[in-house]
């Protein structure tokens, strides 16, 4: 029998926003064991894959790490075979197929994962959500995932504006993450924000929260 308390889960709030000049992705930093014990306060859940693509991660950590490795390898293999870059839609579908296969394999551990996928190509900037069942959804404005998504979505709904800049998008993502960190017990410890613009992918903001009591 698997001891759920030894399974590392990201809990999580992840956020994505589409701006006129790019995509902004953000997430908190907390990892728990079985959803009860905080095991890591510095885990970065926003991952730069290439100059064009980045993802946020949520769910069971072991499956997240394996799927991310397989995804990066599959993209590289596909580019070598076709001798051209994978576009955002192709890459998002590739990741969705991996998630679909992973969650349906026989295992004593339920491989629940969630990804937000942001990318750029010649057609522009794009934001996708890959659900825990492998479902793929495209968003033209914003989305949130994870246990704190309800708190984050309220902030996104109130603050999002069409054709907003990446700079304003960063502020909105941080505000949405802050709302979730304040109210969702599985989210916290800090946050990381990554932007995808015509200059490429880069970390735009990060903060580690100190919750220690001192006298």
N, C-alpha and C. Protein backbone atom coordinates (compact mmCIF):
# COMPACT_ATOMS: atom_id res chain seq x y z
N UNK A 1 0.84 -1.19 0.00
CA UNK A 1 0.00 0.00 0.00
C UNK A 1 0.88 1.25 0.00
N UNK A 2 0.54 2.23 -0.82
CA UNK A 2 1.33 3.44 -0.93
C UNK A 2 0.95 4.41 0.18
N UNK A 3 1.95 4.94 0.87
CA UNK A 3 1.73 5.94 1.92
C UNK A 3 1.64 7.31 1.26
N UNK A 4 0.42 7.87 1.26
CA UNK A 4 0.21 9.13 0.57
C UNK A 4 1.03 10.26 1.19
N UNK A 5 1.34 10.15 2.48
CA UNK A 5 2.08 11.21 3.14
C UNK A 5 3.50 11.33 2.61
N UNK A 6 4.00 10.29 1.94
CA UNK A 6 5.35 10.33 1.38
C UNK A 6 5.36 10.78 -0.07
N UNK A 7 4.19 11.01 -0.65
CA UNK A 7 4.10 11.49 -2.02
C UNK A 7 4.23 13.00 -2.02
N UNK A 8 5.14 13.50 -2.83
CA UNK A 8 5.37 14.94 -2.89
C UNK A 8 4.40 15.56 -3.91
N UNK A 9 3.63 16.54 -3.46
CA UNK A 9 2.67 17.22 -4.32
C UNK A 9 2.95 18.71 -4.31
N UNK A 10 2.73 19.34 -5.46
CA UNK A 10 2.99 20.77 -5.53
C UNK A 10 1.84 21.59 -4.96
N UNK A 11 0.65 20.97 -4.73
CA UNK A 11 -0.47 21.78 -4.25
C UNK A 11 -0.75 22.84 -5.29
N UNK A 12 -0.42 24.08 -5.01
CA UNK A 12 -0.14 25.03 -6.08
C UNK A 12 -1.22 26.01 -6.47
N UNK A 13 -0.73 27.17 -6.89
CA UNK A 13 -1.50 28.10 -7.72
C UNK A 13 -0.62 28.46 -8.91
N UNK A 14 -1.11 28.23 -10.11
CA UNK A 14 -0.40 28.63 -11.32
C UNK A 14 -1.29 29.55 -12.13
N UNK A 15 -0.68 30.53 -12.78
CA UNK A 15 -1.43 31.58 -13.48
C UNK A 15 -0.78 31.87 -14.82
N UNK A 16 -1.61 32.13 -15.84
CA UNK A 16 -1.12 32.56 -17.14
C UNK A 16 -1.94 33.71 -17.68
N UNK A 17 -1.29 34.69 -18.28
CA UNK A 17 -1.96 35.87 -18.83
C UNK A 17 -1.40 36.17 -20.21
N UNK A 18 -2.30 36.41 -21.17
CA UNK A 18 -1.91 36.79 -22.53
C UNK A 18 -1.92 38.32 -22.64
N UNK A 19 -0.82 38.88 -23.07
CA UNK A 19 -0.69 40.33 -23.22
C UNK A 19 -0.47 40.67 -24.70
N UNK A 20 -0.51 41.95 -25.01
CA UNK A 20 -0.36 42.36 -26.41
C UNK A 20 1.05 42.07 -26.93
N UNK A 21 2.02 42.02 -26.02
CA UNK A 21 3.40 41.83 -26.42
C UNK A 21 4.05 40.61 -25.80
N UNK A 22 3.22 39.64 -25.36
CA UNK A 22 3.79 38.42 -24.82
C UNK A 22 2.84 37.65 -23.93
N UNK A 23 3.38 36.64 -23.26
CA UNK A 23 2.64 35.83 -22.31
C UNK A 23 3.37 35.86 -20.97
N UNK A 24 2.61 35.92 -19.88
CA UNK A 24 3.19 35.91 -18.54
C UNK A 24 2.71 34.66 -17.81
N UNK A 25 3.63 33.90 -17.22
CA UNK A 25 3.32 32.71 -16.44
C UNK A 25 3.87 32.88 -15.02
N UNK A 26 3.10 32.43 -14.02
CA UNK A 26 3.58 32.53 -12.65
C UNK A 26 3.06 31.40 -11.79
N UNK A 27 3.76 31.14 -10.69
CA UNK A 27 3.34 30.09 -9.75
C UNK A 27 3.99 30.33 -8.39
N UNK A 28 3.37 29.71 -7.36
CA UNK A 28 3.96 29.78 -6.02
C UNK A 28 5.09 28.75 -5.91
N UNK A 29 5.63 28.55 -4.68
CA UNK A 29 6.82 27.71 -4.51
C UNK A 29 6.65 26.53 -3.55
N UNK A 30 5.50 26.36 -2.95
CA UNK A 30 5.35 25.36 -1.89
C UNK A 30 5.14 23.95 -2.43
N UNK A 31 5.81 22.97 -1.80
CA UNK A 31 5.58 21.55 -2.07
C UNK A 31 5.22 20.88 -0.75
N UNK A 32 4.23 19.99 -0.78
CA UNK A 32 3.80 19.29 0.43
C UNK A 32 3.93 17.79 0.26
N UNK A 33 3.93 17.08 1.39
CA UNK A 33 3.86 15.62 1.39
C UNK A 33 2.45 15.23 1.81
N UNK A 34 1.73 14.62 0.86
CA UNK A 34 0.36 14.21 1.14
C UNK A 34 -0.58 15.37 1.39
N UNK A 35 -0.16 16.57 1.01
CA UNK A 35 -1.01 17.74 1.21
C UNK A 35 -1.05 18.24 2.63
N UNK A 36 -0.23 17.68 3.53
CA UNK A 36 -0.30 18.03 4.95
C UNK A 36 0.99 18.62 5.50
N UNK A 37 2.13 18.13 5.06
CA UNK A 37 3.42 18.57 5.58
C UNK A 37 4.18 19.32 4.49
N UNK A 38 4.66 20.51 4.79
CA UNK A 38 5.44 21.28 3.83
C UNK A 38 6.83 20.67 3.72
N UNK A 39 7.20 20.21 2.54
CA UNK A 39 8.49 19.54 2.35
C UNK A 39 9.51 20.42 1.63
N UNK A 40 9.04 21.45 0.92
CA UNK A 40 9.96 22.32 0.18
C UNK A 40 9.31 23.68 0.01
N UNK A 41 10.06 24.73 0.31
CA UNK A 41 9.54 26.09 0.18
C UNK A 41 10.20 26.87 -0.96
N UNK A 42 11.06 26.19 -1.71
CA UNK A 42 11.82 26.90 -2.74
C UNK A 42 11.76 26.23 -4.10
N UNK A 43 10.70 25.46 -4.34
CA UNK A 43 10.60 24.73 -5.61
C UNK A 43 9.99 25.63 -6.68
N UNK A 44 10.71 25.80 -7.78
CA UNK A 44 10.23 26.66 -8.86
C UNK A 44 9.30 25.88 -9.78
N UNK A 45 8.05 26.31 -9.85
CA UNK A 45 7.03 25.60 -10.62
C UNK A 45 6.78 26.22 -11.99
N UNK A 46 7.58 27.22 -12.34
CA UNK A 46 7.55 27.77 -13.70
C UNK A 46 8.87 27.40 -14.35
N UNK A 47 8.80 26.68 -15.47
CA UNK A 47 9.99 26.10 -16.08
C UNK A 47 10.17 26.62 -17.50
N UNK A 48 11.34 27.19 -17.77
CA UNK A 48 11.68 27.59 -19.14
C UNK A 48 12.16 26.35 -19.89
N UNK A 49 11.48 26.04 -20.99
CA UNK A 49 11.83 24.88 -21.80
C UNK A 49 12.80 25.24 -22.92
N UNK A 50 12.47 26.31 -23.65
CA UNK A 50 13.30 26.80 -24.75
C UNK A 50 13.18 28.32 -24.79
N UNK A 51 13.78 28.93 -25.79
CA UNK A 51 13.61 30.38 -25.98
C UNK A 51 12.18 30.74 -26.34
N UNK A 52 11.40 29.75 -26.77
CA UNK A 52 10.03 30.00 -27.22
C UNK A 52 8.95 29.51 -26.27
N UNK A 53 9.26 28.54 -25.41
CA UNK A 53 8.23 27.86 -24.61
C UNK A 53 8.58 27.85 -23.13
N UNK A 54 7.51 27.90 -22.31
CA UNK A 54 7.65 27.73 -20.86
C UNK A 54 6.37 27.10 -20.33
N UNK A 55 6.47 26.45 -19.17
CA UNK A 55 5.31 25.80 -18.57
C UNK A 55 5.25 26.11 -17.08
N UNK A 56 4.05 26.00 -16.53
CA UNK A 56 3.88 25.92 -15.08
C UNK A 56 3.45 24.50 -14.76
N UNK A 57 3.73 24.06 -13.53
CA UNK A 57 3.43 22.67 -13.16
C UNK A 57 2.64 22.61 -11.86
N UNK A 58 1.77 21.60 -11.78
CA UNK A 58 1.01 21.34 -10.56
C UNK A 58 0.70 19.85 -10.51
N UNK A 59 0.57 19.31 -9.29
CA UNK A 59 0.21 17.90 -9.15
C UNK A 59 1.29 17.08 -8.48
N UNK A 60 1.34 15.80 -8.85
CA UNK A 60 2.29 14.86 -8.26
C UNK A 60 3.69 15.10 -8.84
N UNK A 61 4.64 15.39 -7.97
CA UNK A 61 5.95 15.85 -8.40
C UNK A 61 6.69 14.85 -9.28
N UNK A 62 6.67 13.58 -8.94
CA UNK A 62 7.41 12.58 -9.71
C UNK A 62 6.90 12.50 -11.15
N UNK A 63 5.59 12.55 -11.32
CA UNK A 63 5.01 12.51 -12.67
C UNK A 63 5.32 13.79 -13.44
N UNK A 64 5.28 14.92 -12.75
CA UNK A 64 5.62 16.19 -13.38
C UNK A 64 7.05 16.16 -13.93
N UNK A 65 7.98 15.69 -13.11
CA UNK A 65 9.38 15.65 -13.54
C UNK A 65 9.59 14.71 -14.72
N UNK A 66 8.95 13.54 -14.67
CA UNK A 66 9.09 12.59 -15.77
C UNK A 66 8.48 13.14 -17.06
N UNK A 67 7.27 13.68 -16.98
CA UNK A 67 6.60 14.20 -18.16
C UNK A 67 7.36 15.37 -18.77
N UNK A 68 7.95 16.20 -17.93
CA UNK A 68 8.73 17.34 -18.44
C UNK A 68 9.95 16.85 -19.21
N UNK A 69 10.65 15.84 -18.68
CA UNK A 69 11.80 15.27 -19.38
C UNK A 69 11.39 14.64 -20.71
N UNK A 70 10.31 13.87 -20.69
CA UNK A 70 9.83 13.23 -21.91
C UNK A 70 9.41 14.27 -22.95
N UNK A 71 8.76 15.32 -22.48
CA UNK A 71 8.28 16.38 -23.37
C UNK A 71 9.44 17.09 -24.06
N UNK A 72 10.46 17.44 -23.31
CA UNK A 72 11.61 18.12 -23.89
C UNK A 72 12.33 17.22 -24.90
N UNK A 73 12.45 15.94 -24.57
CA UNK A 73 13.09 14.99 -25.48
C UNK A 73 12.27 14.80 -26.75
N UNK A 74 10.95 14.72 -26.59
CA UNK A 74 10.06 14.52 -27.73
C UNK A 74 10.09 15.72 -28.68
N UNK A 75 10.12 16.92 -28.11
CA UNK A 75 10.21 18.13 -28.93
C UNK A 75 11.50 18.14 -29.75
N UNK A 76 12.60 17.81 -29.07
CA UNK A 76 13.89 17.81 -29.76
C UNK A 76 13.93 16.77 -30.87
N UNK A 77 13.39 15.59 -30.60
CA UNK A 77 13.34 14.53 -31.60
C UNK A 77 12.49 14.93 -32.80
N UNK A 78 11.35 15.56 -32.52
CA UNK A 78 10.44 15.99 -33.59
C UNK A 78 11.10 17.05 -34.46
N UNK A 79 11.83 17.96 -33.85
CA UNK A 79 12.52 19.00 -34.61
C UNK A 79 13.63 18.42 -35.48
N UNK A 80 14.33 17.41 -34.97
CA UNK A 80 15.39 16.77 -35.75
C UNK A 80 14.82 16.02 -36.95
N UNK A 81 13.67 15.36 -36.73
CA UNK A 81 13.03 14.60 -37.80
C UNK A 81 12.51 15.52 -38.91
N UNK A 82 11.90 16.64 -38.52
CA UNK A 82 11.27 17.54 -39.49
C UNK A 82 12.20 18.65 -39.96
N UNK A 83 13.34 18.79 -39.27
CA UNK A 83 14.31 19.83 -39.59
C UNK A 83 13.69 21.22 -39.52
N UNK A 84 12.81 21.43 -38.56
CA UNK A 84 12.22 22.75 -38.34
C UNK A 84 11.69 22.82 -36.91
N UNK A 85 11.49 24.04 -36.42
CA UNK A 85 11.00 24.23 -35.07
C UNK A 85 9.56 23.75 -34.92
N UNK A 86 9.25 23.21 -33.76
CA UNK A 86 7.88 22.86 -33.41
C UNK A 86 7.14 24.16 -33.07
N UNK A 87 5.93 24.35 -33.63
CA UNK A 87 5.19 25.55 -33.27
C UNK A 87 4.43 25.34 -31.95
N UNK A 88 3.82 26.39 -31.45
CA UNK A 88 3.21 26.33 -30.12
C UNK A 88 2.08 25.32 -30.05
N UNK A 89 1.23 25.29 -31.05
CA UNK A 89 0.10 24.37 -31.05
C UNK A 89 0.58 22.92 -31.08
N UNK A 90 1.58 22.63 -31.91
CA UNK A 90 2.13 21.28 -31.98
C UNK A 90 2.73 20.86 -30.64
N UNK A 91 3.48 21.76 -30.01
CA UNK A 91 4.10 21.45 -28.73
C UNK A 91 3.05 21.22 -27.64
N UNK A 92 2.01 22.05 -27.62
CA UNK A 92 0.95 21.90 -26.62
C UNK A 92 0.23 20.57 -26.79
N UNK A 93 -0.04 20.19 -28.02
CA UNK A 93 -0.68 18.90 -28.29
C UNK A 93 0.22 17.74 -27.88
N UNK A 94 1.50 17.88 -28.07
CA UNK A 94 2.46 16.86 -27.69
C UNK A 94 2.42 16.62 -26.18
N UNK A 95 2.42 17.71 -25.41
CA UNK A 95 2.37 17.60 -23.96
C UNK A 95 1.03 17.02 -23.51
N UNK A 96 -0.05 17.44 -24.14
CA UNK A 96 -1.37 16.92 -23.80
C UNK A 96 -1.45 15.41 -24.03
N UNK A 97 -0.86 14.93 -25.10
CA UNK A 97 -0.86 13.49 -25.39
C UNK A 97 -0.08 12.72 -24.33
N UNK A 98 1.03 13.29 -23.86
CA UNK A 98 1.81 12.64 -22.81
C UNK A 98 1.03 12.56 -21.50
N UNK A 99 0.33 13.64 -21.16
CA UNK A 99 -0.49 13.66 -19.94
C UNK A 99 -1.63 12.66 -20.06
N UNK A 100 -2.26 12.62 -21.22
CA UNK A 100 -3.37 11.68 -21.47
C UNK A 100 -2.92 10.24 -21.25
N UNK A 101 -1.76 9.89 -21.80
CA UNK A 101 -1.25 8.53 -21.66
C UNK A 101 -0.83 8.23 -20.23
N UNK A 102 -0.24 9.23 -19.56
CA UNK A 102 0.27 9.03 -18.21
C UNK A 102 -0.85 8.76 -17.21
N UNK A 103 -1.93 9.52 -17.27
CA UNK A 103 -2.98 9.38 -16.27
C UNK A 103 -3.80 8.11 -16.47
N UNK A 104 -3.71 7.51 -17.67
CA UNK A 104 -4.49 6.31 -17.96
C UNK A 104 -3.69 5.01 -17.85
N UNK A 105 -2.43 5.12 -17.51
CA UNK A 105 -1.64 3.89 -17.34
C UNK A 105 -1.98 3.25 -15.99
N UNK A 106 -1.81 1.94 -15.91
CA UNK A 106 -2.08 1.25 -14.64
C UNK A 106 -0.98 1.55 -13.65
N UNK A 107 -1.36 1.98 -12.45
CA UNK A 107 -0.39 2.30 -11.41
C UNK A 107 -1.08 2.31 -10.06
N UNK A 108 -0.34 1.98 -9.02
CA UNK A 108 -0.89 2.07 -7.67
C UNK A 108 -0.92 3.51 -7.18
N UNK A 109 -0.25 4.41 -7.92
CA UNK A 109 -0.23 5.83 -7.59
C UNK A 109 -0.93 6.60 -8.71
N UNK A 110 -1.88 7.42 -8.34
CA UNK A 110 -2.62 8.20 -9.33
C UNK A 110 -1.76 9.36 -9.81
N UNK A 111 -1.43 9.35 -11.10
CA UNK A 111 -0.51 10.35 -11.66
C UNK A 111 -1.21 11.61 -12.11
N UNK A 112 -1.68 12.41 -11.14
CA UNK A 112 -2.40 13.63 -11.45
C UNK A 112 -1.42 14.78 -11.68
N UNK A 113 -1.51 15.43 -12.83
CA UNK A 113 -0.67 16.59 -13.15
C UNK A 113 -1.51 17.67 -13.81
N UNK A 114 -1.01 18.88 -13.77
CA UNK A 114 -1.65 19.99 -14.47
C UNK A 114 -0.59 20.94 -15.00
N UNK A 115 -0.74 21.38 -16.22
CA UNK A 115 0.25 22.28 -16.84
C UNK A 115 -0.43 23.48 -17.48
N UNK A 116 0.19 24.64 -17.35
CA UNK A 116 -0.10 25.77 -18.23
C UNK A 116 1.07 25.89 -19.18
N UNK A 117 0.79 26.10 -20.44
CA UNK A 117 1.84 26.11 -21.47
C UNK A 117 1.76 27.43 -22.24
N UNK A 118 2.84 28.18 -22.23
CA UNK A 118 2.92 29.43 -22.98
C UNK A 118 3.99 29.35 -24.03
N UNK A 119 3.73 29.98 -25.17
CA UNK A 119 4.71 29.92 -26.24
C UNK A 119 4.56 31.04 -27.25
N UNK A 120 5.57 31.16 -28.08
CA UNK A 120 5.56 32.12 -29.18
C UNK A 120 6.00 31.42 -30.46
N UNK A 121 5.46 31.87 -31.58
CA UNK A 121 5.89 31.41 -32.90
C UNK A 121 5.55 32.50 -33.91
N UNK A 122 5.64 32.21 -35.18
CA UNK A 122 5.42 33.26 -36.19
C UNK A 122 3.98 33.78 -36.19
N UNK A 123 3.06 33.01 -35.61
CA UNK A 123 1.66 33.45 -35.58
C UNK A 123 1.33 34.29 -34.36
N UNK A 124 2.26 34.41 -33.40
CA UNK A 124 2.02 35.25 -32.24
C UNK A 124 2.32 34.54 -30.93
N UNK A 125 1.63 35.01 -29.88
CA UNK A 125 1.81 34.47 -28.53
C UNK A 125 0.58 33.67 -28.13
N UNK A 126 0.81 32.54 -27.43
CA UNK A 126 -0.29 31.61 -27.16
C UNK A 126 -0.22 31.07 -25.74
N UNK A 127 -1.40 30.77 -25.18
CA UNK A 127 -1.51 30.22 -23.83
C UNK A 127 -2.47 29.05 -23.85
N UNK A 128 -2.02 27.89 -23.33
CA UNK A 128 -2.83 26.68 -23.27
C UNK A 128 -2.86 26.15 -21.84
N UNK A 129 -3.93 25.44 -21.52
CA UNK A 129 -4.00 24.68 -20.28
C UNK A 129 -4.15 23.21 -20.62
N UNK A 130 -3.33 22.37 -20.01
CA UNK A 130 -3.43 20.91 -20.17
C UNK A 130 -3.96 20.36 -18.86
N UNK A 131 -5.20 19.87 -18.88
CA UNK A 131 -5.84 19.37 -17.67
C UNK A 131 -5.26 18.05 -17.21
N UNK A 132 -5.67 17.62 -16.02
CA UNK A 132 -5.13 16.38 -15.46
C UNK A 132 -5.53 15.16 -16.28
N UNK A 133 -6.56 15.29 -17.13
CA UNK A 133 -6.99 14.18 -17.98
C UNK A 133 -6.41 14.25 -19.38
N UNK A 134 -5.56 15.25 -19.64
CA UNK A 134 -4.97 15.43 -20.96
C UNK A 134 -5.74 16.34 -21.87
N UNK A 135 -6.84 16.92 -21.37
CA UNK A 135 -7.62 17.85 -22.18
C UNK A 135 -6.82 19.12 -22.45
N UNK A 136 -6.92 19.62 -23.68
CA UNK A 136 -6.17 20.80 -24.09
C UNK A 136 -7.12 21.95 -24.36
N UNK A 137 -6.89 23.09 -23.68
CA UNK A 137 -7.74 24.27 -23.86
C UNK A 137 -6.87 25.48 -24.14
N UNK A 138 -7.29 26.29 -25.13
CA UNK A 138 -6.56 27.50 -25.49
C UNK A 138 -7.25 28.72 -24.88
N UNK A 139 -6.46 29.66 -24.38
CA UNK A 139 -7.01 30.87 -23.77
C UNK A 139 -6.43 32.10 -24.46
N UNK A 140 -7.31 33.06 -24.75
CA UNK A 140 -6.88 34.30 -25.39
C UNK A 140 -6.68 35.42 -24.38
N UNK A 141 -6.99 35.15 -23.11
CA UNK A 141 -6.86 36.19 -22.10
C UNK A 141 -6.06 35.71 -20.88
N UNK A 142 -6.65 34.84 -20.07
CA UNK A 142 -5.97 34.38 -18.85
C UNK A 142 -6.57 33.07 -18.38
N UNK A 143 -5.83 32.39 -17.51
CA UNK A 143 -6.34 31.19 -16.85
C UNK A 143 -5.52 30.93 -15.60
N UNK A 144 -6.04 30.08 -14.72
CA UNK A 144 -5.34 29.69 -13.50
C UNK A 144 -5.61 28.22 -13.23
N UNK A 145 -4.71 27.57 -12.51
CA UNK A 145 -4.84 26.15 -12.21
C UNK A 145 -4.33 25.89 -10.81
N UNK A 146 -4.65 24.71 -10.28
CA UNK A 146 -4.18 24.32 -8.96
C UNK A 146 -5.19 24.60 -7.87
N UNK A 147 -4.79 24.28 -6.66
CA UNK A 147 -5.70 24.37 -5.52
C UNK A 147 -6.09 25.81 -5.19
N UNK A 148 -5.28 26.78 -5.58
CA UNK A 148 -5.60 28.18 -5.31
C UNK A 148 -6.20 28.93 -6.47
N UNK A 149 -6.64 28.21 -7.49
CA UNK A 149 -7.12 28.86 -8.71
C UNK A 149 -8.35 29.73 -8.48
N UNK A 150 -9.21 29.34 -7.53
CA UNK A 150 -10.43 30.11 -7.30
C UNK A 150 -10.12 31.51 -6.79
N UNK A 151 -9.13 31.62 -5.91
CA UNK A 151 -8.73 32.92 -5.39
C UNK A 151 -8.04 33.75 -6.48
N UNK A 152 -7.18 33.10 -7.25
CA UNK A 152 -6.43 33.80 -8.30
C UNK A 152 -7.35 34.27 -9.42
N UNK A 153 -8.33 33.45 -9.77
CA UNK A 153 -9.22 33.78 -10.88
C UNK A 153 -10.02 35.05 -10.60
N UNK A 154 -10.43 35.24 -9.36
CA UNK A 154 -11.17 36.45 -9.01
C UNK A 154 -10.35 37.71 -9.28
N UNK A 155 -9.07 37.67 -8.94
CA UNK A 155 -8.18 38.80 -9.20
C UNK A 155 -7.98 39.00 -10.70
N UNK A 156 -7.80 37.92 -11.43
CA UNK A 156 -7.62 38.00 -12.87
C UNK A 156 -8.86 38.58 -13.55
N UNK A 157 -10.01 38.12 -13.11
CA UNK A 157 -11.28 38.60 -13.68
C UNK A 157 -11.44 40.11 -13.48
N UNK A 158 -11.08 40.57 -12.30
CA UNK A 158 -11.25 41.99 -11.99
C UNK A 158 -10.19 42.87 -12.64
N UNK A 159 -8.97 42.34 -12.80
CA UNK A 159 -7.88 43.18 -13.24
C UNK A 159 -7.46 43.07 -14.69
N UNK A 160 -7.93 42.04 -15.39
CA UNK A 160 -7.46 41.84 -16.77
C UNK A 160 -8.06 42.87 -17.72
N UNK A 161 -7.23 43.37 -18.63
CA UNK A 161 -7.67 44.29 -19.68
C UNK A 161 -7.12 43.81 -21.01
N UNK A 162 -7.92 43.94 -22.05
CA UNK A 162 -7.45 43.58 -23.39
C UNK A 162 -6.29 44.48 -23.80
N UNK A 163 -5.35 43.89 -24.50
CA UNK A 163 -4.18 44.62 -25.00
C UNK A 163 -3.31 45.21 -23.89
N UNK A 164 -3.35 44.58 -22.71
CA UNK A 164 -2.48 45.05 -21.64
C UNK A 164 -1.03 44.67 -21.94
N UNK A 165 -0.10 45.45 -21.43
CA UNK A 165 1.32 45.20 -21.68
C UNK A 165 1.84 44.07 -20.80
N UNK A 166 3.00 43.55 -21.14
CA UNK A 166 3.62 42.51 -20.33
C UNK A 166 3.95 43.03 -18.94
N UNK A 167 4.38 44.27 -18.83
CA UNK A 167 4.68 44.85 -17.52
C UNK A 167 3.44 44.85 -16.63
N UNK A 168 2.29 45.23 -17.20
CA UNK A 168 1.04 45.20 -16.44
C UNK A 168 0.62 43.75 -16.16
N UNK A 169 0.92 42.87 -17.10
CA UNK A 169 0.61 41.45 -16.91
C UNK A 169 1.38 40.85 -15.75
N UNK A 170 2.63 41.25 -15.59
CA UNK A 170 3.44 40.76 -14.46
C UNK A 170 2.80 41.18 -13.15
N UNK A 171 2.40 42.44 -13.05
CA UNK A 171 1.77 42.94 -11.83
C UNK A 171 0.47 42.19 -11.52
N UNK A 172 -0.31 41.91 -12.56
CA UNK A 172 -1.57 41.19 -12.38
C UNK A 172 -1.32 39.76 -11.91
N UNK A 173 -0.34 39.09 -12.50
CA UNK A 173 -0.02 37.71 -12.10
C UNK A 173 0.45 37.67 -10.64
N UNK A 174 1.30 38.61 -10.24
CA UNK A 174 1.76 38.65 -8.86
C UNK A 174 0.59 38.90 -7.91
N UNK A 175 -0.32 39.78 -8.28
CA UNK A 175 -1.50 40.05 -7.44
C UNK A 175 -2.38 38.82 -7.31
N UNK A 176 -2.56 38.09 -8.41
CA UNK A 176 -3.36 36.87 -8.38
C UNK A 176 -2.72 35.80 -7.51
N UNK A 177 -1.41 35.64 -7.63
CA UNK A 177 -0.70 34.67 -6.79
C UNK A 177 -0.76 35.06 -5.32
N UNK A 178 -0.65 36.34 -5.04
CA UNK A 178 -0.71 36.81 -3.66
C UNK A 178 -2.06 36.49 -3.03
N UNK A 179 -3.13 36.67 -3.78
CA UNK A 179 -4.47 36.37 -3.27
C UNK A 179 -4.58 34.89 -2.90
N UNK A 180 -4.03 34.03 -3.75
CA UNK A 180 -4.08 32.59 -3.49
C UNK A 180 -3.20 32.20 -2.30
N UNK A 181 -2.02 32.79 -2.23
CA UNK A 181 -1.10 32.48 -1.13
C UNK A 181 -1.71 32.87 0.21
N UNK A 182 -2.46 33.96 0.24
CA UNK A 182 -3.06 34.42 1.49
C UNK A 182 -4.18 33.50 1.97
N UNK A 183 -4.85 32.78 1.04
CA UNK A 183 -6.06 32.04 1.40
C UNK A 183 -6.00 30.53 1.16
N UNK A 184 -5.13 30.08 0.29
CA UNK A 184 -5.05 28.65 -0.02
C UNK A 184 -3.91 28.02 0.78
N UNK A 185 -4.23 27.02 1.58
CA UNK A 185 -3.22 26.41 2.46
C UNK A 185 -2.14 25.65 1.70
N UNK A 186 -2.43 25.20 0.49
CA UNK A 186 -1.45 24.43 -0.29
C UNK A 186 -0.55 25.30 -1.15
N UNK A 187 -0.80 26.61 -1.17
CA UNK A 187 0.02 27.54 -1.95
C UNK A 187 0.79 28.44 -1.00
N UNK A 188 1.99 28.85 -1.41
CA UNK A 188 2.74 29.76 -0.56
C UNK A 188 4.23 29.70 -0.75
N UNK A 189 4.96 30.26 0.21
CA UNK A 189 6.42 30.25 0.31
C UNK A 189 7.12 31.25 -0.62
N UNK A 190 6.41 31.75 -1.62
CA UNK A 190 7.02 32.68 -2.57
C UNK A 190 6.43 32.49 -3.94
N UNK A 191 7.03 33.13 -4.94
CA UNK A 191 6.51 32.97 -6.30
C UNK A 191 7.59 33.25 -7.33
N UNK A 192 7.35 32.76 -8.53
CA UNK A 192 8.21 32.99 -9.68
C UNK A 192 7.34 33.39 -10.86
N UNK A 193 7.82 34.35 -11.65
CA UNK A 193 7.09 34.82 -12.83
C UNK A 193 8.03 34.82 -14.02
N UNK A 194 7.57 34.25 -15.13
CA UNK A 194 8.36 34.19 -16.36
C UNK A 194 7.57 34.86 -17.49
N UNK A 195 8.28 35.57 -18.35
CA UNK A 195 7.65 36.19 -19.52
C UNK A 195 8.15 35.55 -20.80
N UNK A 196 7.26 35.51 -21.79
CA UNK A 196 7.61 35.05 -23.14
C UNK A 196 7.30 36.20 -24.08
N UNK A 197 8.33 36.82 -24.63
CA UNK A 197 8.17 37.98 -25.51
C UNK A 197 8.98 37.76 -26.78
N UNK A 198 9.04 38.79 -27.61
CA UNK A 198 9.82 38.67 -28.85
C UNK A 198 11.31 38.51 -28.55
N UNK A 199 11.73 38.88 -27.32
CA UNK A 199 13.12 38.70 -26.91
C UNK A 199 13.41 37.29 -26.42
N UNK A 200 12.36 36.49 -26.20
CA UNK A 200 12.54 35.13 -25.72
C UNK A 200 11.88 34.92 -24.36
N UNK A 201 12.30 33.87 -23.67
CA UNK A 201 11.75 33.56 -22.35
C UNK A 201 12.75 34.00 -21.27
N UNK A 202 12.23 34.61 -20.21
CA UNK A 202 13.12 35.03 -19.12
C UNK A 202 12.34 35.15 -17.81
N UNK A 203 13.06 35.01 -16.70
CA UNK A 203 12.45 35.22 -15.39
C UNK A 203 12.31 36.72 -15.17
N UNK A 204 11.08 37.15 -14.88
CA UNK A 204 10.81 38.57 -14.73
C UNK A 204 10.66 39.00 -13.28
N UNK A 205 10.30 38.05 -12.41
CA UNK A 205 10.08 38.39 -11.00
C UNK A 205 10.18 37.13 -10.17
N UNK A 206 10.77 37.25 -8.98
CA UNK A 206 10.77 36.14 -8.04
C UNK A 206 10.86 36.70 -6.62
N UNK A 207 10.27 35.97 -5.69
CA UNK A 207 10.30 36.41 -4.30
C UNK A 207 10.14 35.21 -3.38
N UNK A 208 11.02 35.14 -2.38
CA UNK A 208 10.93 34.12 -1.36
C UNK A 208 10.33 34.75 -0.11
N UNK A 209 9.28 34.13 0.44
CA UNK A 209 8.63 34.68 1.62
C UNK A 209 9.24 34.09 2.90
N UNK A 210 9.45 34.92 3.87
CA UNK A 210 9.99 34.50 5.15
C UNK A 210 8.85 34.51 6.18
N UNK A 211 8.51 33.34 6.69
CA UNK A 211 7.40 33.24 7.64
C UNK A 211 7.87 32.89 9.05
N UNK A 212 9.17 33.03 9.29
CA UNK A 212 9.70 32.69 10.60
C UNK A 212 9.35 33.77 11.63
N UNK A 213 9.06 33.33 12.85
CA UNK A 213 8.84 34.25 13.97
C UNK A 213 10.15 34.47 14.70
N UNK A 214 10.46 35.72 15.00
CA UNK A 214 11.68 36.05 15.73
C UNK A 214 11.35 37.03 16.85
N UNK A 215 12.22 37.04 17.86
CA UNK A 215 12.03 37.96 18.99
C UNK A 215 13.26 38.85 19.14
